[in-house]
C-alpha cells in the first residue's frame, strides 16, 4: 500500500536517511502511541522494554521503576488508603501488580544465574 502525506521540512530532512526504515519506524511509533493511550500501561512499557532486551543478571537486579511509574504507583496507593480506587484504577492497579510479579520472577532467575556462576 502506498500512503502520501505532508511533513514539516525539519522532520522530512531527519527521515530521508532512514527511508528504508520508515515501515519499522511507523510500526514502533504506532505501538508506542497505542501503549500510551492505555491506562495502566504508562511507565510499564519502559520496564517491559528493558526485560525484552535480554539484560544481564546484574541489570535485571538493578531494575527499578522510573520516577513517573513510581509516582503513579504511590498515588494509587494513597488514593486506595483514602477514598478508594475507581473501577478503572483497580484495573490499572492489577496491571501494575502483574508487572511487579514479572519483574520479581526475572530478578529471582537473575539471582540464581549469578549464584550458579
C-alpha atoms as a PDB file:
ATOM      1  CA  UNK A   1       0.000   0.000   0.000  1.00  0.00           C
ATOM      2  CA  UNK A   2       1.216   3.464  -0.788  1.00  0.00           C
ATOM      3  CA  UNK A   3       0.443   6.397   1.505  1.00  0.00           C
ATOM      4  CA  UNK A   4       1.305  10.025   0.822  1.00  0.00           C
ATOM      5  CA  UNK A   5       1.372  12.741   3.466  1.00  0.00           C
ATOM      6  CA  UNK A   6       2.925  16.138   4.121  1.00  0.00           C
ATOM      7  CA  UNK A   7       5.586  16.558   6.784  1.00  0.00           C
ATOM      8  CA  UNK A   8       7.293  19.581   8.247  1.00  0.00           C
ATOM      9  CA  UNK A   9      10.576  20.153   6.398  1.00  0.00           C
ATOM     10  CA  UNK A  10      12.691  19.533   9.506  1.00  0.00           C
ATOM     11  CA  UNK A  11      11.093  16.131  10.096  1.00  0.00           C
ATOM     12  CA  UNK A  12      11.351  15.206   6.409  1.00  0.00           C
ATOM     13  CA  UNK A  13      15.086  16.002   6.494  1.00  0.00           C
ATOM     14  CA  UNK A  14      15.562  13.752   9.520  1.00  0.00           C
ATOM     15  CA  UNK A  15      13.654  10.901   7.867  1.00  0.00           C
ATOM     16  CA  UNK A  16      15.362  10.998   4.431  1.00  0.00           C
ATOM     17  CA  UNK A  17      18.401   8.936   5.520  1.00  0.00           C
ATOM     18  CA  UNK A  18      16.035   6.418   7.146  1.00  0.00           C
ATOM     19  CA  UNK A  19      13.720   5.987   4.165  1.00  0.00           C
ATOM     20  CA  UNK A  20      14.174   2.198   4.086  1.00  0.00           C
ATOM     21  CA  UNK A  21      13.313   2.043   7.797  1.00  0.00           C
ATOM     22  CA  UNK A  22      10.053   4.023   7.569  1.00  0.00           C
ATOM     23  CA  UNK A  23       7.734   0.987   7.898  1.00  0.00           C
ATOM     24  CA  UNK A  24       9.584  -0.074  11.049  1.00  0.00           C
ATOM     25  CA  UNK A  25       9.566   3.478  12.437  1.00  0.00           C
ATOM     26  CA  UNK A  26       5.825   3.757  11.848  1.00  0.00           C
ATOM     27  CA  UNK A  27       5.166   0.361  13.443  1.00  0.00           C
ATOM     28  CA  UNK A  28       7.166   1.259  16.553  1.00  0.00           C
ATOM     29  CA  UNK A  29       5.501   4.651  16.720  1.00  0.00           C
ATOM     30  CA  UNK A  30       2.045   3.099  16.497  1.00  0.00           C
ATOM     31  CA  UNK A  31       2.896   0.622  19.252  1.00  0.00           C
ATOM     32  CA  UNK A  32       4.088   3.433  21.496  1.00  0.00           C
ATOM     33  CA  UNK A  33       1.015   5.506  20.708  1.00  0.00           C
ATOM     34  CA  UNK A  34      -1.315   2.600  21.471  1.00  0.00           C
ATOM     35  CA  UNK A  35       0.541   1.760  24.663  1.00  0.00           C
ATOM     36  CA  UNK A  36       0.458   5.327  25.937  1.00  0.00           C
ATOM     37  CA  UNK A  37      -3.284   5.509  25.304  1.00  0.00           C
ATOM     38  CA  UNK A  38      -3.988   2.542  27.572  1.00  0.00           C
ATOM     39  CA  UNK A  39      -4.383   3.345  31.232  1.00  0.00           C
ATOM     40  CA  UNK A  40      -2.226   1.120  33.324  1.00  0.00           C
ATOM     41  CA  UNK A  41       0.437   0.827  30.662  1.00  0.00           C
ATOM     42  CA  UNK A  42       2.106   4.182  31.181  1.00  0.00           C
ATOM     43  CA  UNK A  43       5.539   3.607  32.645  1.00  0.00           C
ATOM     44  CA  UNK A  44       5.237  -0.147  32.306  1.00  0.00           C
ATOM     45  CA  UNK A  45       6.463  -0.025  28.700  1.00  0.00           C
ATOM     46  CA  UNK A  46       9.899   1.065  29.918  1.00  0.00           C
ATOM     47  CA  UNK A  47      10.177  -1.921  32.247  1.00  0.00           C
ATOM     48  CA  UNK A  48       8.994  -4.356  29.594  1.00  0.00           C
ATOM     49  CA  UNK A  49      11.405  -2.932  27.025  1.00  0.00           C
ATOM     50  CA  UNK A  50      14.324  -3.451  29.410  1.00  0.00           C
ATOM     51  CA  UNK A  51      13.306  -7.064  30.026  1.00  0.00           C
ATOM     52  CA  UNK A  52      12.721  -7.670  26.318  1.00  0.00           C
ATOM     53  CA  UNK A  53      16.293  -6.543  25.610  1.00  0.00           C
ATOM     54  CA  UNK A  54      17.551  -9.633  27.489  1.00  0.00           C
ATOM     55  CA  UNK A  55      19.617  -7.721  30.058  1.00  0.00           C
ATOM     56  CA  UNK A  56      22.413  -9.230  32.104  1.00  0.00           C
ATOM     57  CA  UNK A  57      21.524 -10.648  35.529  1.00  0.00           C
ATOM     58  CA  UNK A  58      23.125  -7.587  37.133  1.00  0.00           C
ATOM     59  CA  UNK A  59      20.962  -5.260  35.027  1.00  0.00           C
ATOM     60  CA  UNK A  60      17.837  -7.184  35.981  1.00  0.00           C
ATOM     61  CA  UNK A  61      18.686  -6.979  39.677  1.00  0.00           C
ATOM     62  CA  UNK A  62      19.308  -3.237  39.340  1.00  0.00           C
ATOM     63  CA  UNK A  63      15.954  -2.641  37.629  1.00  0.00           C
ATOM     64  CA  UNK A  64      13.839  -0.002  39.378  1.00  0.00           C
ATOM     65  CA  UNK A  65      10.658   1.801  38.341  1.00  0.00           C
ATOM     66  CA  UNK A  66      11.058   5.156  36.657  1.00  0.00           C
ATOM     67  CA  UNK A  67      10.182   8.201  38.769  1.00  0.00           C
ATOM     68  CA  UNK A  68       6.942   8.613  36.780  1.00  0.00           C
ATOM     69  CA  UNK A  69       5.918   4.998  37.305  1.00  0.00           C
ATOM     70  CA  UNK A  70       6.821   5.118  40.989  1.00  0.00           C
ATOM     71  CA  UNK A  71       4.849   8.336  41.364  1.00  0.00           C
ATOM     72  CA  UNK A  72       1.768   6.793  39.791  1.00  0.00           C
ATOM     73  CA  UNK A  73       2.022   3.706  41.994  1.00  0.00           C
ATOM     74  CA  UNK A  74       2.395   5.881  45.085  1.00  0.00           C
ATOM     75  CA  UNK A  75      -0.606   7.989  44.057  1.00  0.00           C
ATOM     76  CA  UNK A  76      -2.751   4.878  43.603  1.00  0.00           C
ATOM     77  CA  UNK A  77      -1.656   3.503  46.978  1.00  0.00           C
ATOM     78  CA  UNK A  78      -2.527   6.770  48.722  1.00  0.00           C
ATOM     79  CA  UNK A  79      -5.875   7.019  46.981  1.00  0.00           C
ATOM     80  CA  UNK A  80      -6.684   3.409  47.874  1.00  0.00           C
ATOM     81  CA  UNK A  81      -5.964   4.140  51.541  1.00  0.00           C
ATOM     82  CA  UNK A  82      -8.281   7.135  51.436  1.00  0.00           C
ATOM     83  CA  UNK A  83     -11.287   7.296  49.181  1.00  0.00           C
ATOM     84  CA  UNK A  84     -10.613   4.051  47.314  1.00  0.00           C
ATOM     85  CA  UNK A  85      -9.917   3.366  43.668  1.00  0.00           C
ATOM     86  CA  UNK A  86     -12.299   3.776  40.760  1.00  0.00           C
ATOM     87  CA  UNK A  87     -13.021   0.674  38.649  1.00  0.00           C
ATOM     88  CA  UNK A  88     -10.530   1.902  36.015  1.00  0.00           C
ATOM     89  CA  UNK A  89      -7.876   2.480  38.668  1.00  0.00           C
ATOM     90  CA  UNK A  90      -8.473  -1.012  40.052  1.00  0.00           C
ATOM     91  CA  UNK A  91      -7.717  -2.408  36.608  1.00  0.00           C
ATOM     92  CA  UNK A  92      -4.619  -0.220  36.377  1.00  0.00           C
ATOM     93  CA  UNK A  93      -3.514  -1.407  39.830  1.00  0.00           C
ATOM     94  CA  UNK A  94      -3.974  -5.047  38.812  1.00  0.00           C
ATOM     95  CA  UNK A  95      -1.784  -4.441  35.768  1.00  0.00           C
ATOM     96  CA  UNK A  96       0.939  -2.938  37.954  1.00  0.00           C
ATOM     97  CA  UNK A  97       0.701  -5.906  40.304  1.00  0.00           C
ATOM     98  CA  UNK A  98       1.199  -8.278  37.387  1.00  0.00           C
ATOM     99  CA  UNK A  99       4.139  -6.210  36.131  1.00  0.00           C
ATOM    100  CA  UNK A 100       5.688  -6.401  39.593  1.00  0.00           C
ATOM    101  CA  UNK A 101       5.186 -10.175  39.551  1.00  0.00           C
ATOM    102  CA  UNK A 102       7.040 -10.424  36.216  1.00  0.00           C
ATOM    103  CA  UNK A 103       9.901  -8.284  37.497  1.00  0.00           C
ATOM    104  CA  UNK A 104      10.180 -10.394  40.659  1.00  0.00           C
ATOM    105  CA  UNK A 105      10.360 -13.559  38.558  1.00  0.00           C
ATOM    106  CA  UNK A 106      13.057 -12.017  36.366  1.00  0.00           C
ATOM    107  CA  UNK A 107      15.021 -10.908  39.438  1.00  0.00           C
ATOM    108  CA  UNK A 108      14.744 -14.348  41.053  1.00  0.00           C
ATOM    109  CA  UNK A 109      16.059 -16.014  37.892  1.00  0.00           C
ATOM    110  CA  UNK A 110      18.829 -13.426  37.595  1.00  0.00           C
ATOM    111  CA  UNK A 111      19.900 -14.065  41.194  1.00  0.00           C
ATOM    112  CA  UNK A 112      20.006 -17.810  40.507  1.00  0.00           C
ATOM    113  CA  UNK A 113      22.164 -17.275  37.406  1.00  0.00           C
ATOM    114  CA  UNK A 114      24.605 -15.161  39.394  1.00  0.00           C
ATOM    115  CA  UNK A 115      24.729 -17.746  42.159  1.00  0.00           C
ATOM    116  CA  UNK A 116      25.445 -20.536  39.669  1.00  0.00           C
ATOM    117  CA  UNK A 117      28.311 -18.676  38.029  1.00  0.00           C
END
